[in-house]
């Protein structure tokens, strides 16, 4: 259980769902985890509940200065970043056809789902280059590449951009000892997914039509994140790993 002992892990968006589970799994396996989120009370509660080492940073991902100052503080304190998991995202503001999406909502969507990822990566990559090692995993989505939804063009666009940004960065930094990969999950039992379906009842009903009859538990998604972050994935670079139980094949 100490396969990430002494590793410095940063989780962007770690107060709920997949991010919260990632914080737990990395911390329980020996990592020192720094995680961000907007909700202070929930972040502090997670820290209290863990047996491993975790530090919560209250960050609004639409504020570039908050991201920069937080990453700079983490790097100054720890001296490095070994693993970055870019996870935070919003969906509701990106729902609907493009001609109905408000420009302010578009700006919020891009700031959270794409610009924030770039900023976390920018600071992590600078530190990783100096160390000549590091791993970045970006949370995209099957809606960005493998599954088309006519009601989510804006959200899907941000996720497709994450895949392209991942692959380009993987090529650019491979000789620096840095690996950059993306996961593209299907529906999972998270607040974001449940809200996308409108209710828990609608989510559970839709899940029955999944290939195995249920959607993912967040732990199943994070198991894949943890693999990509590990030395066992040393030759996995620039991939978009679909984690959807076959959902996108339907």
C-alpha atoms as a PDB file:
ATOM      1  CA  UNK A   1       0.000   0.000   0.000  1.00  0.00           C
ATOM      2  CA  UNK A   2       3.029   2.316   0.049  1.00  0.00           C
ATOM      3  CA  UNK A   3       3.629   2.306  -3.705  1.00  0.00           C
ATOM      4  CA  UNK A   4       3.543   6.137  -3.773  1.00  0.00           C
ATOM      5  CA  UNK A   5       5.574   6.660  -0.619  1.00  0.00           C
ATOM      6  CA  UNK A   6       7.144  10.150  -0.435  1.00  0.00           C
ATOM      7  CA  UNK A   7       5.618  11.194  -3.777  1.00  0.00           C
ATOM      8  CA  UNK A   8       4.264  14.726  -4.046  1.00  0.00           C
ATOM      9  CA  UNK A   9       0.842  14.612  -5.682  1.00  0.00           C
ATOM     10  CA  UNK A  10      -1.342  17.547  -6.723  1.00  0.00           C
ATOM     11  CA  UNK A  11      -5.043  16.952  -7.410  1.00  0.00           C
ATOM     12  CA  UNK A  12      -6.912  19.768  -9.113  1.00  0.00           C
ATOM     13  CA  UNK A  13     -10.493  19.408  -7.887  1.00  0.00           C
ATOM     14  CA  UNK A  14     -10.314  17.019  -4.965  1.00  0.00           C
ATOM     15  CA  UNK A  15     -13.358  17.744  -2.825  1.00  0.00           C
ATOM     16  CA  UNK A  16     -15.878  15.446  -4.492  1.00  0.00           C
ATOM     17  CA  UNK A  17     -16.352  12.516  -6.842  1.00  0.00           C
ATOM     18  CA  UNK A  18     -13.353  11.203  -8.726  1.00  0.00           C
ATOM     19  CA  UNK A  19     -11.013  13.842  -7.297  1.00  0.00           C
ATOM     20  CA  UNK A  20     -11.948  13.056  -3.703  1.00  0.00           C
ATOM     21  CA  UNK A  21     -11.347   9.374  -4.328  1.00  0.00           C
ATOM     22  CA  UNK A  22      -7.985  10.157  -5.933  1.00  0.00           C
ATOM     23  CA  UNK A  23      -6.915  12.117  -2.860  1.00  0.00           C
ATOM     24  CA  UNK A  24      -7.853   9.158  -0.660  1.00  0.00           C
ATOM     25  CA  UNK A  25      -6.122   6.516  -2.750  1.00  0.00           C
ATOM     26  CA  UNK A  26      -2.873   8.419  -3.188  1.00  0.00           C
ATOM     27  CA  UNK A  27      -2.732   9.461   0.468  1.00  0.00           C
ATOM     28  CA  UNK A  28      -3.396   5.931   1.712  1.00  0.00           C
ATOM     29  CA  UNK A  29      -0.561   4.685  -0.473  1.00  0.00           C
ATOM     30  CA  UNK A  30       2.055   6.931   1.063  1.00  0.00           C
ATOM     31  CA  UNK A  31       1.907  10.099  -1.048  1.00  0.00           C
ATOM     32  CA  UNK A  32       1.768  13.605   0.326  1.00  0.00           C
ATOM     33  CA  UNK A  33      -1.265  15.023  -1.471  1.00  0.00           C
ATOM     34  CA  UNK A  34      -2.059  18.671  -2.110  1.00  0.00           C
ATOM     35  CA  UNK A  35      -5.586  19.117  -3.426  1.00  0.00           C
ATOM     36  CA  UNK A  36      -7.675  22.095  -4.461  1.00  0.00           C
ATOM     37  CA  UNK A  37     -11.348  22.984  -4.392  1.00  0.00           C
ATOM     38  CA  UNK A  38     -13.743  25.831  -3.773  1.00  0.00           C
ATOM     39  CA  UNK A  39     -15.480  24.463  -0.691  1.00  0.00           C
ATOM     40  CA  UNK A  40     -13.336  24.960   2.400  1.00  0.00           C
ATOM     41  CA  UNK A  41     -15.474  22.941   4.807  1.00  0.00           C
ATOM     42  CA  UNK A  42     -15.514  19.906   2.522  1.00  0.00           C
ATOM     43  CA  UNK A  43     -11.774  20.129   1.903  1.00  0.00           C
ATOM     44  CA  UNK A  44     -11.012  20.283   5.592  1.00  0.00           C
ATOM     45  CA  UNK A  45     -13.371  17.382   6.300  1.00  0.00           C
ATOM     46  CA  UNK A  46     -11.526  15.220   3.786  1.00  0.00           C
ATOM     47  CA  UNK A  47      -8.183  16.001   5.417  1.00  0.00           C
ATOM     48  CA  UNK A  48      -9.609  15.009   8.806  1.00  0.00           C
ATOM     49  CA  UNK A  49     -10.970  11.722   7.442  1.00  0.00           C
ATOM     50  CA  UNK A  50      -7.718  10.484   5.905  1.00  0.00           C
ATOM     51  CA  UNK A  51      -5.081   8.309   7.462  1.00  0.00           C
ATOM     52  CA  UNK A  52      -2.440   9.597   5.049  1.00  0.00           C
ATOM     53  CA  UNK A  53      -0.969  13.054   4.449  1.00  0.00           C
ATOM     54  CA  UNK A  54      -3.094  15.610   2.618  1.00  0.00           C
ATOM     55  CA  UNK A  55      -3.216  19.395   2.449  1.00  0.00           C
ATOM     56  CA  UNK A  56      -6.259  21.300   1.220  1.00  0.00           C
ATOM     57  CA  UNK A  57      -5.949  24.564  -0.736  1.00  0.00           C
ATOM     58  CA  UNK A  58      -9.060  26.650  -1.318  1.00  0.00           C
ATOM     59  CA  UNK A  59      -8.916  27.699  -4.969  1.00  0.00           C
ATOM     60  CA  UNK A  60     -11.436  29.118  -7.418  1.00  0.00           C
ATOM     61  CA  UNK A  61     -10.329  27.697 -10.768  1.00  0.00           C
ATOM     62  CA  UNK A  62     -11.748  30.670 -12.651  1.00  0.00           C
ATOM     63  CA  UNK A  63      -9.149  32.859 -10.881  1.00  0.00           C
ATOM     64  CA  UNK A  64      -5.785  32.512 -12.604  1.00  0.00           C
ATOM     65  CA  UNK A  65      -3.936  34.274  -9.793  1.00  0.00           C
ATOM     66  CA  UNK A  66      -5.241  31.824  -7.198  1.00  0.00           C
ATOM     67  CA  UNK A  67      -4.039  28.858  -9.231  1.00  0.00           C
ATOM     68  CA  UNK A  68      -0.629  30.411  -9.817  1.00  0.00           C
ATOM     69  CA  UNK A  69      -0.053  31.395  -6.194  1.00  0.00           C
ATOM     70  CA  UNK A  70      -1.180  27.976  -4.946  1.00  0.00           C
ATOM     71  CA  UNK A  71       1.064  26.033  -7.308  1.00  0.00           C
ATOM     72  CA  UNK A  72       3.999  28.313  -6.549  1.00  0.00           C
ATOM     73  CA  UNK A  73       3.466  27.796  -2.818  1.00  0.00           C
ATOM     74  CA  UNK A  74       3.286  24.001  -3.183  1.00  0.00           C
ATOM     75  CA  UNK A  75       6.448  23.875  -5.269  1.00  0.00           C
ATOM     76  CA  UNK A  76       8.289  26.188  -2.881  1.00  0.00           C
ATOM     77  CA  UNK A  77       7.266  24.063   0.108  1.00  0.00           C
ATOM     78  CA  UNK A  78       7.866  20.625  -1.421  1.00  0.00           C
ATOM     79  CA  UNK A  79      10.587  21.422  -3.925  1.00  0.00           C
ATOM     80  CA  UNK A  80       8.891  19.414  -6.650  1.00  0.00           C
ATOM     81  CA  UNK A  81       5.683  17.925  -8.044  1.00  0.00           C
ATOM     82  CA  UNK A  82       5.867  14.232  -8.917  1.00  0.00           C
ATOM     83  CA  UNK A  83       2.272  13.676 -10.050  1.00  0.00           C
ATOM     84  CA  UNK A  84      -0.443  16.073 -11.208  1.00  0.00           C
ATOM     85  CA  UNK A  85      -4.020  14.878 -11.640  1.00  0.00           C
ATOM     86  CA  UNK A  86      -6.076  17.538 -13.420  1.00  0.00           C
ATOM     87  CA  UNK A  87      -9.627  16.637 -12.538  1.00  0.00           C
ATOM     88  CA  UNK A  88     -11.925  19.599 -11.787  1.00  0.00           C
ATOM     89  CA  UNK A  89     -14.670  20.358 -14.261  1.00  0.00           C
ATOM     90  CA  UNK A  90     -18.113  21.841 -14.776  1.00  0.00           C
ATOM     91  CA  UNK A  91     -20.831  20.605 -17.097  1.00  0.00           C
ATOM     92  CA  UNK A  92     -24.109  22.412 -16.408  1.00  0.00           C
ATOM     93  CA  UNK A  93     -22.998  25.777 -17.817  1.00  0.00           C
ATOM     94  CA  UNK A  94     -22.022  24.007 -21.029  1.00  0.00           C
ATOM     95  CA  UNK A  95     -25.332  22.241 -21.597  1.00  0.00           C
ATOM     96  CA  UNK A  96     -27.490  23.043 -24.593  1.00  0.00           C
ATOM     97  CA  UNK A  97     -26.919  23.861 -28.263  1.00  0.00           C
ATOM     98  CA  UNK A  98     -24.277  26.483 -28.992  1.00  0.00           C
ATOM     99  CA  UNK A  99     -26.783  29.137 -30.035  1.00  0.00           C
ATOM    100  CA  UNK A 100     -28.362  29.008 -26.564  1.00  0.00           C
ATOM    101  CA  UNK A 101     -25.231  29.090 -24.424  1.00  0.00           C
ATOM    102  CA  UNK A 102     -24.592  32.447 -22.775  1.00  0.00           C
ATOM    103  CA  UNK A 103     -21.214  34.021 -23.354  1.00  0.00           C
ATOM    104  CA  UNK A 104     -20.571  34.322 -19.612  1.00  0.00           C
ATOM    105  CA  UNK A 105     -21.258  30.605 -19.210  1.00  0.00           C
ATOM    106  CA  UNK A 106     -18.920  29.874 -22.110  1.00  0.00           C
ATOM    107  CA  UNK A 107     -16.178  31.839 -20.348  1.00  0.00           C
ATOM    108  CA  UNK A 108     -16.756  29.939 -17.098  1.00  0.00           C
ATOM    109  CA  UNK A 109     -16.687  26.619 -18.923  1.00  0.00           C
ATOM    110  CA  UNK A 110     -13.398  27.334 -20.670  1.00  0.00           C
ATOM    111  CA  UNK A 111     -11.824  28.813 -17.548  1.00  0.00           C
ATOM    112  CA  UNK A 112     -12.602  25.731 -15.475  1.00  0.00           C
ATOM    113  CA  UNK A 113     -12.345  22.880 -17.979  1.00  0.00           C
ATOM    114  CA  UNK A 114      -9.421  24.053 -20.077  1.00  0.00           C
ATOM    115  CA  UNK A 115      -7.582  27.169 -18.898  1.00  0.00           C
ATOM    116  CA  UNK A 116      -7.216  25.847 -15.350  1.00  0.00           C
ATOM    117  CA  UNK A 117      -5.750  22.600 -16.707  1.00  0.00           C
ATOM    118  CA  UNK A 118      -3.234  24.603 -18.715  1.00  0.00           C
ATOM    119  CA  UNK A 119      -2.227  26.638 -15.659  1.00  0.00           C
ATOM    120  CA  UNK A 120      -1.765  23.634 -13.372  1.00  0.00           C
ATOM    121  CA  UNK A 121       0.220  21.922 -16.133  1.00  0.00           C
ATOM    122  CA  UNK A 122       2.337  25.001 -16.777  1.00  0.00           C
ATOM    123  CA  UNK A 123       3.575  25.196 -13.199  1.00  0.00           C
ATOM    124  CA  UNK A 124       3.928  21.433 -12.801  1.00  0.00           C
ATOM    125  CA  UNK A 125       5.863  21.085 -16.049  1.00  0.00           C
ATOM    126  CA  UNK A 126       8.330  23.779 -15.030  1.00  0.00           C
ATOM    127  CA  UNK A 127       9.051  21.904 -11.797  1.00  0.00           C
ATOM    128  CA  UNK A 128       9.125  18.505 -13.509  1.00  0.00           C
ATOM    129  CA  UNK A 129      11.584  19.681 -16.134  1.00  0.00           C
ATOM    130  CA  UNK A 130      14.013  20.685 -13.412  1.00  0.00           C
ATOM    131  CA  UNK A 131      13.613  17.293 -11.759  1.00  0.00           C
ATOM    132  CA  UNK A 132      13.701  15.480 -15.126  1.00  0.00           C
ATOM    133  CA  UNK A 133      10.741  13.360 -14.082  1.00  0.00           C
ATOM    134  CA  UNK A 134       7.035  13.594 -13.502  1.00  0.00           C
ATOM    135  CA  UNK A 135       3.593  12.343 -14.481  1.00  0.00           C
ATOM    136  CA  UNK A 136       0.505  14.290 -15.511  1.00  0.00           C
ATOM    137  CA  UNK A 137      -2.934  12.745 -15.910  1.00  0.00           C
ATOM    138  CA  UNK A 138      -5.734  14.891 -17.336  1.00  0.00           C
ATOM    139  CA  UNK A 139      -9.392  14.014 -16.881  1.00  0.00           C
ATOM    140  CA  UNK A 140     -11.098  14.372 -20.256  1.00  0.00           C
ATOM    141  CA  UNK A 141     -14.344  12.505 -21.075  1.00  0.00           C
ATOM    142  CA  UNK A 142     -15.749  10.127 -23.655  1.00  0.00           C
ATOM    143  CA  UNK A 143     -17.928  13.060 -24.751  1.00  0.00           C
ATOM    144  CA  UNK A 144     -14.799  14.781 -26.020  1.00  0.00           C
ATOM    145  CA  UNK A 145     -13.885  12.121 -28.531  1.00  0.00           C
ATOM    146  CA  UNK A 146     -15.719   8.818 -28.389  1.00  0.00           C
ATOM    147  CA  UNK A 147     -19.370   9.622 -27.784  1.00  0.00           C
ATOM    148  CA  UNK A 148     -21.310  12.467 -29.397  1.00  0.00           C
ATOM    149  CA  UNK A 149     -24.093  14.230 -27.485  1.00  0.00           C
ATOM    150  CA  UNK A 150     -26.049  16.874 -29.415  1.00  0.00           C
ATOM    151  CA  UNK A 151     -26.806  18.783 -26.214  1.00  0.00           C
ATOM    152  CA  UNK A 152     -23.201  19.162 -25.053  1.00  0.00           C
ATOM    153  CA  UNK A 153     -21.134  20.731 -27.870  1.00  0.00           C
ATOM    154  CA  UNK A 154     -19.437  23.295 -25.629  1.00  0.00           C
ATOM    155  CA  UNK A 155     -18.574  20.845 -22.853  1.00  0.00           C
ATOM    156  CA  UNK A 156     -17.415  18.265 -25.404  1.00  0.00           C
ATOM    157  CA  UNK A 157     -15.236  20.879 -27.064  1.00  0.00           C
ATOM    158  CA  UNK A 158     -13.346  21.558 -23.841  1.00  0.00           C
ATOM    159  CA  UNK A 159     -12.765  17.856 -23.291  1.00  0.00           C
ATOM    160  CA  UNK A 160     -11.555  17.290 -26.863  1.00  0.00           C
ATOM    161  CA  UNK A 161      -9.128  20.154 -26.319  1.00  0.00           C
ATOM    162  CA  UNK A 162      -7.777  18.446 -23.199  1.00  0.00           C
ATOM    163  CA  UNK A 163      -6.997  15.306 -25.199  1.00  0.00           C
ATOM    164  CA  UNK A 164      -5.130  17.292 -27.857  1.00  0.00           C
ATOM    165  CA  UNK A 165      -3.252  19.303 -25.225  1.00  0.00           C
ATOM    166  CA  UNK A 166      -2.304  16.053 -23.485  1.00  0.00           C
ATOM    167  CA  UNK A 167      -0.945  14.403 -26.609  1.00  0.00           C
ATOM    168  CA  UNK A 168       1.024  17.424 -27.767  1.00  0.00           C
ATOM    169  CA  UNK A 169       2.589  17.853 -24.325  1.00  0.00           C
ATOM    170  CA  UNK A 170       3.428  14.154 -24.165  1.00  0.00           C
ATOM    171  CA  UNK A 171       5.528  14.487 -27.316  1.00  0.00           C
ATOM    172  CA  UNK A 172       7.173  17.708 -26.253  1.00  0.00           C
ATOM    173  CA  UNK A 173       8.294  16.598 -22.795  1.00  0.00           C
ATOM    174  CA  UNK A 174       9.012  12.878 -23.248  1.00  0.00           C
ATOM    175  CA  UNK A 175      12.778  13.405 -23.374  1.00  0.00           C
ATOM    176  CA  UNK A 176      12.537  15.352 -20.121  1.00  0.00           C
ATOM    177  CA  UNK A 177      11.369  12.205 -18.331  1.00  0.00           C
ATOM    178  CA  UNK A 178       7.779  13.419 -18.151  1.00  0.00           C
ATOM    179  CA  UNK A 179       4.731  11.389 -19.127  1.00  0.00           C
ATOM    180  CA  UNK A 180       1.385  13.032 -19.953  1.00  0.00           C
ATOM    181  CA  UNK A 181      -1.767  10.964 -20.392  1.00  0.00           C
ATOM    182  CA  UNK A 182      -5.527  11.460 -20.327  1.00  0.00           C
ATOM    183  CA  UNK A 183      -8.392   9.387 -19.047  1.00  0.00           C
ATOM    184  CA  UNK A 184     -11.804   9.608 -20.683  1.00  0.00           C
ATOM    185  CA  UNK A 185     -14.358   8.253 -18.240  1.00  0.00           C
ATOM    186  CA  UNK A 186     -17.917   7.369 -19.018  1.00  0.00           C
ATOM    187  CA  UNK A 187     -20.728   8.063 -16.552  1.00  0.00           C
ATOM    188  CA  UNK A 188     -19.763   7.519 -12.923  1.00  0.00           C
ATOM    189  CA  UNK A 189     -21.591   7.872  -9.630  1.00  0.00           C
ATOM    190  CA  UNK A 190     -20.541  11.465  -8.970  1.00  0.00           C
ATOM    191  CA  UNK A 191     -22.500  14.623  -8.237  1.00  0.00           C
ATOM    192  CA  UNK A 192     -21.593  16.019 -11.659  1.00  0.00           C
ATOM    193  CA  UNK A 193     -22.927  12.977 -13.534  1.00  0.00           C
ATOM    194  CA  UNK A 194     -26.067  12.693 -11.428  1.00  0.00           C
ATOM    195  CA  UNK A 195     -26.884  16.372 -11.996  1.00  0.00           C
ATOM    196  CA  UNK A 196     -26.341  15.873 -15.732  1.00  0.00           C
ATOM    197  CA  UNK A 197     -29.095  13.251 -15.699  1.00  0.00           C
ATOM    198  CA  UNK A 198     -31.395  15.523 -13.709  1.00  0.00           C
ATOM    199  CA  UNK A 199     -31.876  13.325 -10.654  1.00  0.00           C
ATOM    200  CA  UNK A 200     -30.623  10.236  -8.855  1.00  0.00           C
ATOM    201  CA  UNK A 201     -33.657   8.342 -10.104  1.00  0.00           C
ATOM    202  CA  UNK A 202     -32.938   9.221 -13.745  1.00  0.00           C
ATOM    203  CA  UNK A 203     -29.265   8.366 -13.283  1.00  0.00           C
ATOM    204  CA  UNK A 204     -30.062   4.947 -11.804  1.00  0.00           C
ATOM    205  CA  UNK A 205     -32.566   4.210 -14.567  1.00  0.00           C
ATOM    206  CA  UNK A 206     -30.059   5.093 -17.310  1.00  0.00           C
ATOM    207  CA  UNK A 207     -27.349   3.044 -15.602  1.00  0.00           C
ATOM    208  CA  UNK A 208     -29.390  -0.121 -16.138  1.00  0.00           C
ATOM    209  CA  UNK A 209     -28.769   0.268 -19.883  1.00  0.00           C
ATOM    210  CA  UNK A 210     -24.988   0.326 -19.454  1.00  0.00           C
ATOM    211  CA  UNK A 211     -23.216  -2.784 -20.811  1.00  0.00           C
ATOM    212  CA  UNK A 212     -22.819  -4.299 -17.342  1.00  0.00           C
ATOM    213  CA  UNK A 213     -26.027  -2.814 -15.948  1.00  0.00           C
ATOM    214  CA  UNK A 214     -24.399  -0.133 -13.811  1.00  0.00           C
ATOM    215  CA  UNK A 215     -22.142   2.911 -14.128  1.00  0.00           C
ATOM    216  CA  UNK A 216     -18.709   3.243 -12.561  1.00  0.00           C
ATOM    217  CA  UNK A 217     -17.910   3.787  -8.948  1.00  0.00           C
ATOM    218  CA  UNK A 218     -15.367   6.654  -8.671  1.00  0.00           C
ATOM    219  CA  UNK A 219     -12.841   4.171  -7.251  1.00  0.00           C
ATOM    220  CA  UNK A 220     -12.861   2.263 -10.543  1.00  0.00           C
ATOM    221  CA  UNK A 221     -11.880   5.414 -12.416  1.00  0.00           C
ATOM    222  CA  UNK A 222      -9.169   6.288  -9.917  1.00  0.00           C
ATOM    223  CA  UNK A 223      -7.689   2.796 -10.136  1.00  0.00           C
ATOM    224  CA  UNK A 224      -6.823   3.704 -13.731  1.00  0.00           C
ATOM    225  CA  UNK A 225      -5.427   7.099 -12.703  1.00  0.00           C
ATOM    226  CA  UNK A 226      -3.245   5.384 -10.136  1.00  0.00           C
ATOM    227  CA  UNK A 227      -1.956   2.925 -12.736  1.00  0.00           C
ATOM    228  CA  UNK A 228      -1.020   5.734 -15.132  1.00  0.00           C
ATOM    229  CA  UNK A 229       0.775   7.532 -12.303  1.00  0.00           C
ATOM    230  CA  UNK A 230       2.763   4.448 -11.323  1.00  0.00           C
ATOM    231  CA  UNK A 231       6.072   3.124 -12.589  1.00  0.00           C
ATOM    232  CA  UNK A 232       4.168   0.182 -14.057  1.00  0.00           C
ATOM    233  CA  UNK A 233       2.949   2.591 -16.765  1.00  0.00           C
ATOM    234  CA  UNK A 234       6.483   3.808 -17.557  1.00  0.00           C
ATOM    235  CA  UNK A 235       5.994   3.257 -21.302  1.00  0.00           C
ATOM    236  CA  UNK A 236       2.476   4.701 -21.482  1.00  0.00           C
ATOM    237  CA  UNK A 237       2.678   8.251 -22.805  1.00  0.00           C
ATOM    238  CA  UNK A 238       0.330  10.440 -24.818  1.00  0.00           C
ATOM    239  CA  UNK A 239      -2.595   8.064 -24.608  1.00  0.00           C
ATOM    240  CA  UNK A 240      -6.283   8.752 -24.094  1.00  0.00           C
ATOM    241  CA  UNK A 241      -7.437   5.829 -22.003  1.00  0.00           C
ATOM    242  CA  UNK A 242     -11.191   5.297 -22.222  1.00  0.00           C
ATOM    243  CA  UNK A 243     -12.613   4.060 -18.916  1.00  0.00           C
ATOM    244  CA  UNK A 244     -16.304   3.488 -19.533  1.00  0.00           C
ATOM    245  CA  UNK A 245     -17.087  -0.222 -19.248  1.00  0.00           C
ATOM    246  CA  UNK A 246     -17.894  -0.340 -22.964  1.00  0.00           C
ATOM    247  CA  UNK A 247     -20.450   2.491 -22.795  1.00  0.00           C
ATOM    248  CA  UNK A 248     -19.082   4.299 -25.851  1.00  0.00           C
ATOM    249  CA  UNK A 249     -19.403   1.160 -27.970  1.00  0.00           C
ATOM    250  CA  UNK A 250     -23.185   1.275 -27.862  1.00  0.00           C
END
